[in-house]
Amino acid sequence: MREPDPPRRRDPEATRARILAAATQEFTRYGYAGARGDRIALRARCSDRMVYYYFGSKEGLFREVLEGVYEALRLAEQGLDLDRLAPREALRSFCRFVWRYYLEHPEFIGLVNSENLQQARHLRKSGKLGELVTPVVGMLESLLARGRAAGVFRDGIDATELYIAIAALGYFYLSNAHTLSAVLGRELRAPGQLELHWQQSALVIERAVCVEAD
């Protein structure tokens, strides 16, 4: 007589990770308002009850998804080694990193778009908010200080405003690429068009920051 299979061991962390991954897809595709717990549960191979057992509510789940994508961006930013580069080259490298990250992580743009429609009410309740963005501003402050000391960067450049400008040049382009492509008659996500935009955008940033831009 065949021995019965041993009971499957529960792995709460694995279940939680599957729910977060499924929720990331769901919220990216449908936004906060259109996302549904039953679809998340189906993707995560668990019950609706388990989704809310781990995260409490749709709002709590969405907040953790947002924290997750910001944390992933923060970890990627921390992997940059800008100090080994001359200031102007480091600035170009940082710009390229940000713009390519947005391209390669469309879920980030989708989720941030959704949160903007919610007026950032979920992020404002996050206990991690300060640690998600502050480090990259500190990184840019250090870079700007090096550039000023080397006589390469102008005085009076605010690191937060610089970060907003760099992010905007990549974020707006990609989040509106479909409508802009239709209106302008260019496929803006084509590799050649992306490269052109990144080159032009880098020139904009350099002319704003550098004492003498190429």
N, C-alpha and C. Protein backbone atom coordinates (compact mmCIF):
# COMPACT_ATOMS: atom_id res chain seq x y z
N MET A 1 0.85 -1.19 0.00
CA MET A 1 0.00 0.00 0.00
C MET A 1 0.89 1.25 0.00
N ARG A 2 0.58 2.20 -0.90
CA ARG A 2 1.42 3.41 -1.05
C ARG A 2 1.21 4.33 0.14
N GLU A 3 2.36 4.80 0.65
CA GLU A 3 2.31 5.74 1.76
C GLU A 3 1.72 7.07 1.28
N PRO A 4 0.86 7.70 2.08
CA PRO A 4 0.32 9.00 1.67
C PRO A 4 1.41 10.05 1.62
N ASP A 5 1.24 11.03 0.71
CA ASP A 5 2.22 12.11 0.60
C ASP A 5 2.25 12.89 1.90
N PRO A 6 3.41 13.29 2.32
CA PRO A 6 3.49 14.11 3.54
C PRO A 6 2.79 15.45 3.31
N PRO A 7 2.24 16.02 4.35
CA PRO A 7 1.57 17.31 4.18
C PRO A 7 2.55 18.38 3.70
N ARG A 8 2.06 19.24 2.79
CA ARG A 8 2.90 20.29 2.25
C ARG A 8 3.21 21.31 3.35
N ARG A 9 4.49 21.63 3.49
CA ARG A 9 4.89 22.60 4.49
C ARG A 9 4.55 24.01 3.99
N ARG A 10 4.00 24.80 4.86
CA ARG A 10 3.68 26.17 4.50
C ARG A 10 4.95 27.01 4.50
N ASP A 11 5.03 27.89 3.55
CA ASP A 11 6.18 28.79 3.45
C ASP A 11 5.62 30.21 3.37
N PRO A 12 5.39 30.84 4.52
CA PRO A 12 4.76 32.16 4.52
C PRO A 12 5.51 33.20 3.69
N GLU A 13 6.84 33.18 3.74
CA GLU A 13 7.61 34.17 3.01
C GLU A 13 7.44 33.99 1.50
N ALA A 14 7.42 32.74 1.05
CA ALA A 14 7.24 32.48 -0.37
C ALA A 14 5.84 32.92 -0.82
N THR A 15 4.84 32.63 0.00
CA THR A 15 3.47 33.04 -0.32
C THR A 15 3.39 34.56 -0.40
N ARG A 16 3.98 35.20 0.57
CA ARG A 16 3.95 36.67 0.60
C ARG A 16 4.64 37.26 -0.63
N ALA A 17 5.77 36.66 -1.02
CA ALA A 17 6.51 37.14 -2.19
C ALA A 17 5.68 36.95 -3.46
N ARG A 18 4.98 35.82 -3.57
CA ARG A 18 4.14 35.58 -4.75
C ARG A 18 3.01 36.60 -4.81
N ILE A 19 2.42 36.90 -3.67
CA ILE A 19 1.33 37.88 -3.65
C ILE A 19 1.84 39.26 -4.08
N LEU A 20 3.00 39.66 -3.57
CA LEU A 20 3.56 40.95 -3.94
C LEU A 20 3.87 41.02 -5.44
N ALA A 21 4.44 39.95 -5.98
CA ALA A 21 4.75 39.91 -7.41
C ALA A 21 3.47 40.00 -8.24
N ALA A 22 2.45 39.24 -7.83
CA ALA A 22 1.17 39.26 -8.55
C ALA A 22 0.51 40.62 -8.43
N ALA A 23 0.56 41.22 -7.25
CA ALA A 23 -0.04 42.52 -7.03
C ALA A 23 0.67 43.60 -7.84
N THR A 24 1.98 43.49 -7.97
CA THR A 24 2.73 44.45 -8.78
C THR A 24 2.23 44.43 -10.21
N GLN A 25 2.04 43.25 -10.77
CA GLN A 25 1.49 43.14 -12.13
C GLN A 25 0.08 43.70 -12.22
N GLU A 26 -0.74 43.37 -11.25
CA GLU A 26 -2.14 43.79 -11.26
C GLU A 26 -2.27 45.31 -11.15
N PHE A 27 -1.57 45.91 -10.20
CA PHE A 27 -1.66 47.35 -10.02
C PHE A 27 -1.03 48.10 -11.19
N THR A 28 0.03 47.54 -11.78
CA THR A 28 0.65 48.18 -12.93
C THR A 28 -0.31 48.22 -14.11
N ARG A 29 -1.03 47.13 -14.30
CA ARG A 29 -1.93 47.03 -15.46
C ARG A 29 -3.23 47.79 -15.26
N TYR A 30 -3.82 47.68 -14.08
CA TYR A 30 -5.16 48.22 -13.87
C TYR A 30 -5.20 49.46 -12.98
N GLY A 31 -4.06 49.85 -12.40
CA GLY A 31 -4.08 50.96 -11.47
C GLY A 31 -4.67 50.55 -10.14
N TYR A 32 -4.62 51.47 -9.19
CA TYR A 32 -5.16 51.15 -7.87
C TYR A 32 -6.66 50.91 -7.93
N ALA A 33 -7.37 51.79 -8.61
CA ALA A 33 -8.83 51.71 -8.63
C ALA A 33 -9.33 50.44 -9.32
N GLY A 34 -8.64 50.02 -10.39
CA GLY A 34 -9.14 48.89 -11.17
C GLY A 34 -8.63 47.53 -10.72
N ALA A 35 -7.66 47.50 -9.83
CA ALA A 35 -7.07 46.23 -9.39
C ALA A 35 -8.07 45.43 -8.56
N ARG A 36 -8.01 44.09 -8.70
CA ARG A 36 -8.94 43.22 -7.98
C ARG A 36 -8.18 42.14 -7.23
N GLY A 37 -8.64 41.90 -6.01
CA GLY A 37 -7.99 40.90 -5.16
C GLY A 37 -8.11 39.50 -5.69
N ASP A 38 -9.22 39.16 -6.37
CA ASP A 38 -9.37 37.79 -6.86
C ASP A 38 -8.37 37.48 -7.97
N ARG A 39 -8.07 38.47 -8.80
CA ARG A 39 -7.07 38.25 -9.85
C ARG A 39 -5.68 38.13 -9.25
N ILE A 40 -5.40 38.93 -8.23
CA ILE A 40 -4.11 38.82 -7.54
C ILE A 40 -3.96 37.44 -6.92
N ALA A 41 -5.01 36.96 -6.26
CA ALA A 41 -4.97 35.64 -5.63
C ALA A 41 -4.75 34.54 -6.67
N LEU A 42 -5.41 34.67 -7.82
CA LEU A 42 -5.26 33.67 -8.89
C LEU A 42 -3.82 33.62 -9.38
N ARG A 43 -3.23 34.78 -9.62
CA ARG A 43 -1.84 34.83 -10.08
C ARG A 43 -0.90 34.29 -9.01
N ALA A 44 -1.20 34.58 -7.75
CA ALA A 44 -0.32 34.18 -6.66
C ALA A 44 -0.55 32.74 -6.21
N ARG A 45 -1.53 32.06 -6.79
CA ARG A 45 -1.87 30.68 -6.46
C ARG A 45 -2.22 30.54 -4.97
N CYS A 46 -3.10 31.44 -4.53
CA CYS A 46 -3.56 31.38 -3.15
C CYS A 46 -5.01 31.86 -3.11
N SER A 47 -5.60 31.89 -1.95
CA SER A 47 -6.98 32.32 -1.81
C SER A 47 -7.05 33.83 -1.58
N ASP A 48 -8.23 34.41 -1.85
CA ASP A 48 -8.44 35.83 -1.56
C ASP A 48 -8.15 36.11 -0.08
N ARG A 49 -8.57 35.19 0.77
CA ARG A 49 -8.40 35.36 2.20
C ARG A 49 -6.92 35.52 2.57
N MET A 50 -6.03 34.75 1.88
CA MET A 50 -4.61 34.83 2.18
C MET A 50 -4.03 36.19 1.80
N VAL A 51 -4.53 36.76 0.71
CA VAL A 51 -4.04 38.08 0.29
C VAL A 51 -4.25 39.08 1.42
N TYR A 52 -5.45 39.10 1.97
CA TYR A 52 -5.77 40.08 3.00
C TYR A 52 -5.24 39.66 4.38
N TYR A 53 -4.98 38.38 4.55
CA TYR A 53 -4.35 37.91 5.79
C TYR A 53 -2.95 38.51 5.92
N TYR A 54 -2.21 38.54 4.80
CA TYR A 54 -0.83 39.02 4.84
C TYR A 54 -0.74 40.54 4.80
N PHE A 55 -1.68 41.19 4.12
CA PHE A 55 -1.53 42.63 3.88
C PHE A 55 -2.66 43.48 4.45
N GLY A 56 -3.67 42.86 5.01
CA GLY A 56 -4.70 43.59 5.71
C GLY A 56 -5.78 44.20 4.86
N SER A 57 -5.40 44.84 3.77
CA SER A 57 -6.37 45.53 2.92
C SER A 57 -5.74 45.79 1.56
N LYS A 58 -6.56 46.19 0.62
CA LYS A 58 -6.06 46.57 -0.70
C LYS A 58 -5.09 47.75 -0.57
N GLU A 59 -5.43 48.69 0.29
CA GLU A 59 -4.58 49.85 0.51
C GLU A 59 -3.22 49.44 1.08
N GLY A 60 -3.23 48.53 2.05
CA GLY A 60 -1.97 48.08 2.63
C GLY A 60 -1.12 47.33 1.62
N LEU A 61 -1.75 46.54 0.76
CA LEU A 61 -1.03 45.81 -0.27
C LEU A 61 -0.42 46.77 -1.29
N PHE A 62 -1.19 47.76 -1.72
CA PHE A 62 -0.68 48.71 -2.70
C PHE A 62 0.50 49.51 -2.13
N ARG A 63 0.41 49.88 -0.86
CA ARG A 63 1.50 50.62 -0.24
C ARG A 63 2.78 49.79 -0.23
N GLU A 64 2.66 48.51 0.07
CA GLU A 64 3.86 47.66 0.09
C GLU A 64 4.42 47.45 -1.32
N VAL A 65 3.54 47.38 -2.30
CA VAL A 65 4.01 47.28 -3.69
C VAL A 65 4.79 48.54 -4.07
N LEU A 66 4.24 49.70 -3.73
CA LEU A 66 4.94 50.96 -4.01
C LEU A 66 6.29 51.01 -3.30
N GLU A 67 6.29 50.65 -2.04
CA GLU A 67 7.55 50.64 -1.30
C GLU A 67 8.55 49.70 -1.95
N GLY A 68 8.06 48.59 -2.47
CA GLY A 68 8.95 47.62 -3.11
C GLY A 68 9.62 48.16 -4.36
N VAL A 69 8.87 48.87 -5.21
CA VAL A 69 9.48 49.38 -6.44
C VAL A 69 10.42 50.54 -6.14
N TYR A 70 10.09 51.35 -5.15
CA TYR A 70 11.02 52.43 -4.76
C TYR A 70 12.28 51.85 -4.12
N GLU A 71 12.11 50.81 -3.33
CA GLU A 71 13.26 50.17 -2.70
C GLU A 71 14.17 49.55 -3.76
N ALA A 72 13.59 48.93 -4.78
CA ALA A 72 14.40 48.35 -5.86
C ALA A 72 15.19 49.43 -6.57
N LEU A 73 14.57 50.58 -6.81
CA LEU A 73 15.28 51.69 -7.44
C LEU A 73 16.40 52.19 -6.53
N ARG A 74 16.13 52.31 -5.24
CA ARG A 74 17.14 52.78 -4.29
C ARG A 74 18.35 51.84 -4.26
N LEU A 75 18.09 50.54 -4.25
CA LEU A 75 19.19 49.58 -4.23
C LEU A 75 20.02 49.66 -5.50
N ALA A 76 19.34 49.86 -6.64
CA ALA A 76 20.06 50.01 -7.91
C ALA A 76 20.91 51.28 -7.89
N GLU A 77 20.37 52.36 -7.34
CA GLU A 77 21.13 53.62 -7.23
C GLU A 77 22.35 53.44 -6.34
N GLN A 78 22.20 52.68 -5.27
CA GLN A 78 23.33 52.46 -4.36
C GLN A 78 24.43 51.65 -5.01
N GLY A 79 24.09 50.92 -6.08
CA GLY A 79 25.09 50.15 -6.79
C GLY A 79 25.97 50.99 -7.70
N LEU A 80 25.59 52.25 -7.90
CA LEU A 80 26.40 53.14 -8.73
C LEU A 80 27.70 53.51 -8.00
N ASP A 81 28.76 53.62 -8.76
CA ASP A 81 30.05 54.01 -8.19
C ASP A 81 30.49 55.29 -8.89
N LEU A 82 29.84 56.39 -8.53
CA LEU A 82 30.11 57.66 -9.21
C LEU A 82 31.44 58.27 -8.79
N ASP A 83 31.93 57.91 -7.61
CA ASP A 83 33.16 58.54 -7.11
C ASP A 83 34.39 58.18 -7.94
N ARG A 84 34.32 57.09 -8.66
CA ARG A 84 35.49 56.69 -9.46
C ARG A 84 35.56 57.48 -10.77
N LEU A 85 34.49 58.23 -11.09
CA LEU A 85 34.42 58.98 -12.34
C LEU A 85 34.65 60.46 -12.11
N ALA A 86 35.19 61.14 -13.10
CA ALA A 86 35.30 62.59 -13.05
C ALA A 86 33.88 63.17 -12.96
N PRO A 87 33.70 64.35 -12.34
CA PRO A 87 32.36 64.87 -12.09
C PRO A 87 31.45 64.92 -13.31
N ARG A 88 31.93 65.44 -14.42
CA ARG A 88 31.05 65.55 -15.59
C ARG A 88 30.67 64.17 -16.11
N GLU A 89 31.62 63.26 -16.15
CA GLU A 89 31.32 61.89 -16.59
C GLU A 89 30.37 61.21 -15.62
N ALA A 90 30.55 61.47 -14.33
CA ALA A 90 29.66 60.88 -13.33
C ALA A 90 28.23 61.40 -13.51
N LEU A 91 28.08 62.67 -13.83
CA LEU A 91 26.76 63.24 -14.07
C LEU A 91 26.10 62.58 -15.27
N ARG A 92 26.85 62.40 -16.34
CA ARG A 92 26.30 61.72 -17.51
C ARG A 92 25.90 60.28 -17.17
N SER A 93 26.75 59.61 -16.41
CA SER A 93 26.48 58.22 -16.04
C SER A 93 25.21 58.12 -15.21
N PHE A 94 25.03 59.06 -14.28
CA PHE A 94 23.84 59.03 -13.44
C PHE A 94 22.58 59.26 -14.29
N CYS A 95 22.64 60.23 -15.18
CA CYS A 95 21.49 60.49 -16.06
C CYS A 95 21.13 59.24 -16.85
N ARG A 96 22.09 58.62 -17.46
CA ARG A 96 21.85 57.41 -18.24
C ARG A 96 21.25 56.30 -17.39
N PHE A 97 21.77 56.18 -16.18
CA PHE A 97 21.24 55.15 -15.29
C PHE A 97 19.75 55.38 -15.04
N VAL A 98 19.37 56.59 -14.67
CA VAL A 98 17.97 56.89 -14.36
C VAL A 98 17.09 56.62 -15.56
N TRP A 99 17.47 57.11 -16.72
CA TRP A 99 16.63 56.98 -17.91
C TRP A 99 16.51 55.53 -18.35
N ARG A 100 17.61 54.80 -18.29
CA ARG A 100 17.54 53.38 -18.67
C ARG A 100 16.75 52.58 -17.64
N TYR A 101 16.86 52.93 -16.38
CA TYR A 101 16.08 52.22 -15.36
C TYR A 101 14.60 52.35 -15.63
N TYR A 102 14.13 53.55 -15.95
CA TYR A 102 12.71 53.75 -16.26
C TYR A 102 12.30 52.90 -17.47
N LEU A 103 13.17 52.84 -18.47
CA LEU A 103 12.87 52.06 -19.66
C LEU A 103 12.74 50.58 -19.33
N GLU A 104 13.64 50.08 -18.51
CA GLU A 104 13.69 48.65 -18.21
C GLU A 104 12.74 48.23 -17.10
N HIS A 105 12.11 49.19 -16.43
CA HIS A 105 11.18 48.89 -15.34
C HIS A 105 9.88 49.66 -15.54
N PRO A 106 9.12 49.28 -16.55
CA PRO A 106 7.86 50.00 -16.82
C PRO A 106 6.87 49.92 -15.67
N GLU A 107 7.02 48.90 -14.81
CA GLU A 107 6.13 48.81 -13.65
C GLU A 107 6.32 50.01 -12.73
N PHE A 108 7.52 50.56 -12.66
CA PHE A 108 7.75 51.73 -11.82
C PHE A 108 6.92 52.91 -12.31
N ILE A 109 6.98 53.16 -13.60
CA ILE A 109 6.21 54.28 -14.17
C ILE A 109 4.72 54.04 -13.99
N GLY A 110 4.26 52.83 -14.26
CA GLY A 110 2.84 52.53 -14.14
C GLY A 110 2.33 52.74 -12.73
N LEU A 111 3.09 52.28 -11.75
CA LEU A 111 2.66 52.39 -10.36
C LEU A 111 2.73 53.83 -9.85
N VAL A 112 3.75 54.56 -10.26
CA VAL A 112 3.84 55.97 -9.85
C VAL A 112 2.72 56.78 -10.49
N ASN A 113 2.39 56.50 -11.75
CA ASN A 113 1.26 57.16 -12.39
C ASN A 113 -0.02 56.93 -11.59
N SER A 114 -0.23 55.68 -11.19
CA SER A 114 -1.42 55.34 -10.42
C SER A 114 -1.43 56.07 -9.07
N GLU A 115 -0.29 56.15 -8.42
CA GLU A 115 -0.22 56.81 -7.12
C GLU A 115 -0.43 58.32 -7.24
N ASN A 116 0.01 58.88 -8.35
CA ASN A 116 -0.26 60.30 -8.57
C ASN A 116 -1.76 60.57 -8.69
N LEU A 117 -2.48 59.65 -9.32
CA LEU A 117 -3.93 59.79 -9.39
C LEU A 117 -4.56 59.72 -8.00
N GLN A 118 -3.89 59.03 -7.10
CA GLN A 118 -4.35 58.93 -5.70
C GLN A 118 -3.78 60.05 -4.82
N GLN A 119 -3.10 61.01 -5.46
CA GLN A 119 -2.50 62.16 -4.76
C GLN A 119 -1.50 61.73 -3.68
N ALA A 120 -0.82 60.62 -3.97
CA ALA A 120 0.26 60.10 -3.10
C ALA A 120 -0.22 59.76 -1.70
N ARG A 121 -1.50 59.43 -1.55
CA ARG A 121 -2.01 59.18 -0.20
C ARG A 121 -1.44 57.90 0.41
N HIS A 122 -1.03 56.94 -0.42
CA HIS A 122 -0.46 55.71 0.11
C HIS A 122 1.00 55.93 0.53
N LEU A 123 1.76 56.62 -0.33
CA LEU A 123 3.16 56.89 0.00
C LEU A 123 3.28 57.74 1.26
N ARG A 124 2.38 58.69 1.44
CA ARG A 124 2.46 59.59 2.60
C ARG A 124 2.28 58.82 3.91
N LYS A 125 1.66 57.64 3.82
CA LYS A 125 1.45 56.83 5.02
C LYS A 125 2.58 55.82 5.24
N SER A 126 3.54 55.82 4.34
CA SER A 126 4.63 54.85 4.44
C SER A 126 5.64 55.28 5.49
N GLY A 127 6.01 54.36 6.35
CA GLY A 127 7.05 54.63 7.33
C GLY A 127 8.44 54.64 6.73
N LYS A 128 8.56 54.25 5.47
CA LYS A 128 9.86 54.17 4.81
C LYS A 128 10.11 55.34 3.86
N LEU A 129 9.20 56.30 3.82
CA LEU A 129 9.25 57.33 2.79
C LEU A 129 10.59 58.07 2.75
N GLY A 130 11.09 58.47 3.91
CA GLY A 130 12.34 59.22 3.94
C GLY A 130 13.53 58.46 3.40
N GLU A 131 13.61 57.18 3.70
CA GLU A 131 14.77 56.40 3.30
C GLU A 131 14.73 55.98 1.84
N LEU A 132 13.59 56.18 1.17
CA LEU A 132 13.47 55.73 -0.21
C LEU A 132 14.08 56.72 -1.20
N VAL A 133 14.03 58.01 -0.89
CA VAL A 133 14.49 59.03 -1.84
C VAL A 133 15.68 59.81 -1.33
N THR A 134 15.77 60.01 -0.04
CA THR A 134 16.84 60.84 0.53
C THR A 134 18.24 60.40 0.11
N PRO A 135 18.57 59.09 0.08
CA PRO A 135 19.94 58.70 -0.27
C PRO A 135 20.40 59.19 -1.64
N VAL A 136 19.52 59.17 -2.65
CA VAL A 136 19.96 59.58 -3.98
C VAL A 136 20.20 61.08 -4.03
N VAL A 137 19.43 61.85 -3.28
CA VAL A 137 19.68 63.29 -3.21
C VAL A 137 21.04 63.55 -2.56
N GLY A 138 21.35 62.77 -1.51
CA GLY A 138 22.66 62.89 -0.89
C GLY A 138 23.79 62.54 -1.86
N MET A 139 23.56 61.54 -2.69
CA MET A 139 24.55 61.15 -3.69
C MET A 139 24.82 62.31 -4.66
N LEU A 140 23.74 62.97 -5.10
CA LEU A 140 23.91 64.09 -6.02
C LEU A 140 24.56 65.29 -5.33
N GLU A 141 24.24 65.51 -4.05
CA GLU A 141 24.89 66.60 -3.31
C GLU A 141 26.40 66.38 -3.26
N SER A 142 26.82 65.14 -3.03
CA SER A 142 28.24 64.82 -2.99
C SER A 142 28.88 65.04 -4.36
N LEU A 143 28.19 64.63 -5.41
CA LEU A 143 28.70 64.82 -6.77
C LEU A 143 28.82 66.30 -7.11
N LEU A 144 27.80 67.08 -6.75
CA LEU A 144 27.84 68.52 -7.03
C LEU A 144 29.00 69.18 -6.28
N ALA A 145 29.23 68.75 -5.04
CA ALA A 145 30.34 69.31 -4.26
C ALA A 145 31.68 69.01 -4.92
N ARG A 146 31.84 67.80 -5.40
CA ARG A 146 33.09 67.43 -6.10
C ARG A 146 33.27 68.28 -7.35
N GLY A 147 32.17 68.45 -8.08
CA GLY A 147 32.25 69.23 -9.31
C GLY A 147 32.57 70.69 -9.07
N ARG A 148 32.00 71.25 -8.00
CA ARG A 148 32.31 72.65 -7.66
C ARG A 148 33.77 72.79 -7.25
N ALA A 149 34.24 71.83 -6.47
CA ALA A 149 35.64 71.88 -6.02
C ALA A 149 36.60 71.78 -7.19
N ALA A 150 36.19 71.05 -8.22
CA ALA A 150 37.04 70.89 -9.41
C ALA A 150 36.87 72.03 -10.40
N GLY A 151 35.96 72.96 -10.09
CA GLY A 151 35.71 74.07 -11.00
C GLY A 151 34.91 73.68 -12.23
N VAL A 152 34.23 72.55 -12.16
CA VAL A 152 33.48 72.03 -13.31
C VAL A 152 32.00 72.41 -13.24
N PHE A 153 31.42 72.39 -12.04
CA PHE A 153 30.00 72.66 -11.86
C PHE A 153 29.77 74.06 -11.30
N ARG A 154 28.65 74.63 -11.64
CA ARG A 154 28.28 75.95 -11.17
C ARG A 154 27.93 75.91 -9.67
N ASP A 155 28.00 77.06 -9.04
CA ASP A 155 27.49 77.21 -7.69
C ASP A 155 25.96 77.32 -7.74
N GLY A 156 25.33 77.00 -6.61
CA GLY A 156 23.90 77.26 -6.48
C GLY A 156 22.98 76.23 -7.09
N ILE A 157 23.50 75.07 -7.51
CA ILE A 157 22.65 74.02 -8.05
C ILE A 157 22.08 73.21 -6.89
N ASP A 158 20.77 73.14 -6.80
CA ASP A 158 20.10 72.39 -5.73
C ASP A 158 19.98 70.93 -6.14
N ALA A 159 20.44 70.03 -5.28
CA ALA A 159 20.47 68.61 -5.63
C ALA A 159 19.07 68.04 -5.86
N THR A 160 18.11 68.46 -5.05
CA THR A 160 16.74 67.96 -5.21
C THR A 160 16.16 68.41 -6.54
N GLU A 161 16.36 69.69 -6.88
CA GLU A 161 15.85 70.20 -8.16
C GLU A 161 16.55 69.51 -9.34
N LEU A 162 17.82 69.22 -9.19
CA LEU A 162 18.54 68.52 -10.24
C LEU A 162 17.97 67.12 -10.44
N TYR A 163 17.70 66.44 -9.33
CA TYR A 163 17.12 65.09 -9.43
C TYR A 163 15.77 65.14 -10.12
N ILE A 164 14.94 66.10 -9.78
CA ILE A 164 13.62 66.24 -10.41
C ILE A 164 13.79 66.45 -11.92
N ALA A 165 14.73 67.31 -12.30
CA ALA A 165 14.94 67.60 -13.72
C ALA A 165 15.38 66.35 -14.49
N ILE A 166 16.33 65.62 -13.92
CA ILE A 166 16.81 64.39 -14.57
C ILE A 166 15.70 63.37 -14.68
N ALA A 167 14.97 63.17 -13.58
CA ALA A 167 13.87 62.19 -13.59
C ALA A 167 12.80 62.59 -14.59
N ALA A 168 12.48 63.87 -14.65
CA ALA A 168 11.42 64.33 -15.54
C ALA A 168 11.75 64.06 -17.01
N LEU A 169 13.00 64.25 -17.38
CA LEU A 169 13.38 64.06 -18.78
C LEU A 169 13.23 62.61 -19.22
N GLY A 170 13.36 61.66 -18.30
CA GLY A 170 13.15 60.26 -18.65
C GLY A 170 11.73 59.81 -18.44
N TYR A 171 11.13 60.25 -17.34
CA TYR A 171 9.80 59.79 -16.95
C TYR A 171 8.73 60.30 -17.91
N PHE A 172 8.72 61.59 -18.19
CA PHE A 172 7.70 62.16 -19.07
C PHE A 172 7.76 61.53 -20.45
N TYR A 173 8.97 61.38 -20.96
CA TYR A 173 9.15 60.82 -22.31
C TYR A 173 8.54 59.43 -22.41
N LEU A 174 8.84 58.56 -21.45
CA LEU A 174 8.37 57.19 -21.52
C LEU A 174 6.90 57.06 -21.13
N SER A 175 6.44 57.81 -20.14
CA SER A 175 5.05 57.68 -19.71
C SER A 175 4.08 58.22 -20.75
N ASN A 176 4.58 59.07 -21.64
CA ASN A 176 3.73 59.65 -22.69
C ASN A 176 4.17 59.23 -24.09
N ALA A 177 4.99 58.19 -24.18
CA ALA A 177 5.58 57.82 -25.46
C ALA A 177 4.55 57.45 -26.51
N HIS A 178 3.48 56.77 -26.11
CA HIS A 178 2.48 56.33 -27.09
C HIS A 178 1.75 57.51 -27.70
N THR A 179 1.28 58.43 -26.88
CA THR A 179 0.56 59.59 -27.42
C THR A 179 1.51 60.51 -28.18
N LEU A 180 2.70 60.74 -27.64
CA LEU A 180 3.66 61.59 -28.35
C LEU A 180 4.06 60.98 -29.69
N SER A 181 4.22 59.66 -29.74
CA SER A 181 4.57 59.00 -31.00
C SER A 181 3.47 59.22 -32.04
N ALA A 182 2.21 59.11 -31.61
CA ALA A 182 1.09 59.31 -32.53
C ALA A 182 1.02 60.75 -33.01
N VAL A 183 1.19 61.69 -32.10
CA VAL A 183 1.06 63.11 -32.45
C VAL A 183 2.23 63.60 -33.29
N LEU A 184 3.44 63.17 -32.95
CA LEU A 184 4.64 63.67 -33.60
C LEU A 184 5.06 62.86 -34.82
N GLY A 185 4.46 61.69 -34.99
CA GLY A 185 4.80 60.86 -36.14
C GLY A 185 6.15 60.19 -36.03
N ARG A 186 6.61 59.94 -34.80
CA ARG A 186 7.86 59.23 -34.56
C ARG A 186 7.58 58.10 -33.57
N GLU A 187 8.29 57.00 -33.74
CA GLU A 187 8.19 55.92 -32.76
C GLU A 187 9.23 56.20 -31.68
N LEU A 188 8.80 56.85 -30.61
CA LEU A 188 9.74 57.36 -29.64
C LEU A 188 10.43 56.27 -28.83
N ARG A 189 9.88 55.07 -28.82
CA ARG A 189 10.52 53.98 -28.09
C ARG A 189 11.48 53.18 -28.96
N ALA A 190 11.63 53.54 -30.21
CA ALA A 190 12.61 52.88 -31.06
C ALA A 190 14.02 53.18 -30.53
N PRO A 191 14.94 52.22 -30.62
CA PRO A 191 16.27 52.43 -30.03
C PRO A 191 16.96 53.72 -30.48
N GLY A 192 16.87 54.03 -31.77
CA GLY A 192 17.53 55.23 -32.27
C GLY A 192 16.93 56.50 -31.69
N GLN A 193 15.61 56.53 -31.55
CA GLN A 193 14.94 57.70 -30.98
C GLN A 193 15.24 57.85 -29.50
N LEU A 194 15.30 56.73 -28.80
CA LEU A 194 15.67 56.77 -27.39
C LEU A 194 17.08 57.34 -27.21
N GLU A 195 18.00 56.86 -28.04
CA GLU A 195 19.38 57.33 -27.94
C GLU A 195 19.45 58.82 -28.24
N LEU A 196 18.71 59.29 -29.24
CA LEU A 196 18.70 60.71 -29.56
C LEU A 196 18.17 61.53 -28.38
N HIS A 197 17.08 61.05 -27.79
CA HIS A 197 16.50 61.77 -26.66
C HIS A 197 17.47 61.81 -25.49
N TRP A 198 18.12 60.70 -25.20
CA TRP A 198 19.05 60.67 -24.08
C TRP A 198 20.25 61.60 -24.32
N GLN A 199 20.73 61.66 -25.55
CA GLN A 199 21.84 62.55 -25.85
C GLN A 199 21.43 64.01 -25.68
N GLN A 200 20.26 64.36 -26.21
CA GLN A 200 19.78 65.73 -26.10
C GLN A 200 19.49 66.10 -24.65
N SER A 201 18.92 65.16 -23.91
CA SER A 201 18.60 65.41 -22.51
C SER A 201 19.86 65.60 -21.68
N ALA A 202 20.88 64.79 -21.95
CA ALA A 202 22.15 64.94 -21.23
C ALA A 202 22.76 66.31 -21.50
N LEU A 203 22.61 66.80 -22.72
CA LEU A 203 23.13 68.13 -23.05
C LEU A 203 22.38 69.21 -22.27
N VAL A 204 21.06 69.05 -22.13
CA VAL A 204 20.26 70.00 -21.34
C VAL A 204 20.77 70.05 -19.90
N ILE A 205 20.97 68.88 -19.30
CA ILE A 205 21.43 68.83 -17.92
C ILE A 205 22.83 69.41 -17.79
N GLU A 206 23.70 69.06 -18.68
CA GLU A 206 25.07 69.57 -18.59
C GLU A 206 25.13 71.09 -18.73
N ARG A 207 24.34 71.63 -19.62
CA ARG A 207 24.35 73.09 -19.81
C ARG A 207 23.80 73.81 -18.58
N ALA A 208 22.93 73.13 -17.84
CA ALA A 208 22.39 73.73 -16.62
C ALA A 208 23.38 73.65 -15.47
N VAL A 209 24.20 72.60 -15.45
CA VAL A 209 25.04 72.30 -14.28
C VAL A 209 26.49 72.72 -14.50
N CYS A 210 27.03 72.48 -15.68
CA CYS A 210 28.45 72.66 -15.91
C CYS A 210 28.80 74.12 -16.19
N VAL A 211 29.99 74.52 -15.77
CA VAL A 211 30.48 75.86 -16.05
C VAL A 211 30.62 76.04 -17.55
N GLU A 212 31.20 75.05 -18.21
CA GLU A 212 31.30 75.05 -19.67
C GLU A 212 30.88 73.70 -20.18
N ALA A 213 29.72 73.60 -20.84
CA ALA A 213 29.25 72.33 -21.40
C ALA A 213 29.79 72.16 -22.80
N ASP A 214 30.04 70.88 -23.19
CA ASP A 214 30.51 70.60 -24.55
C ASP A 214 29.46 71.00 -25.57
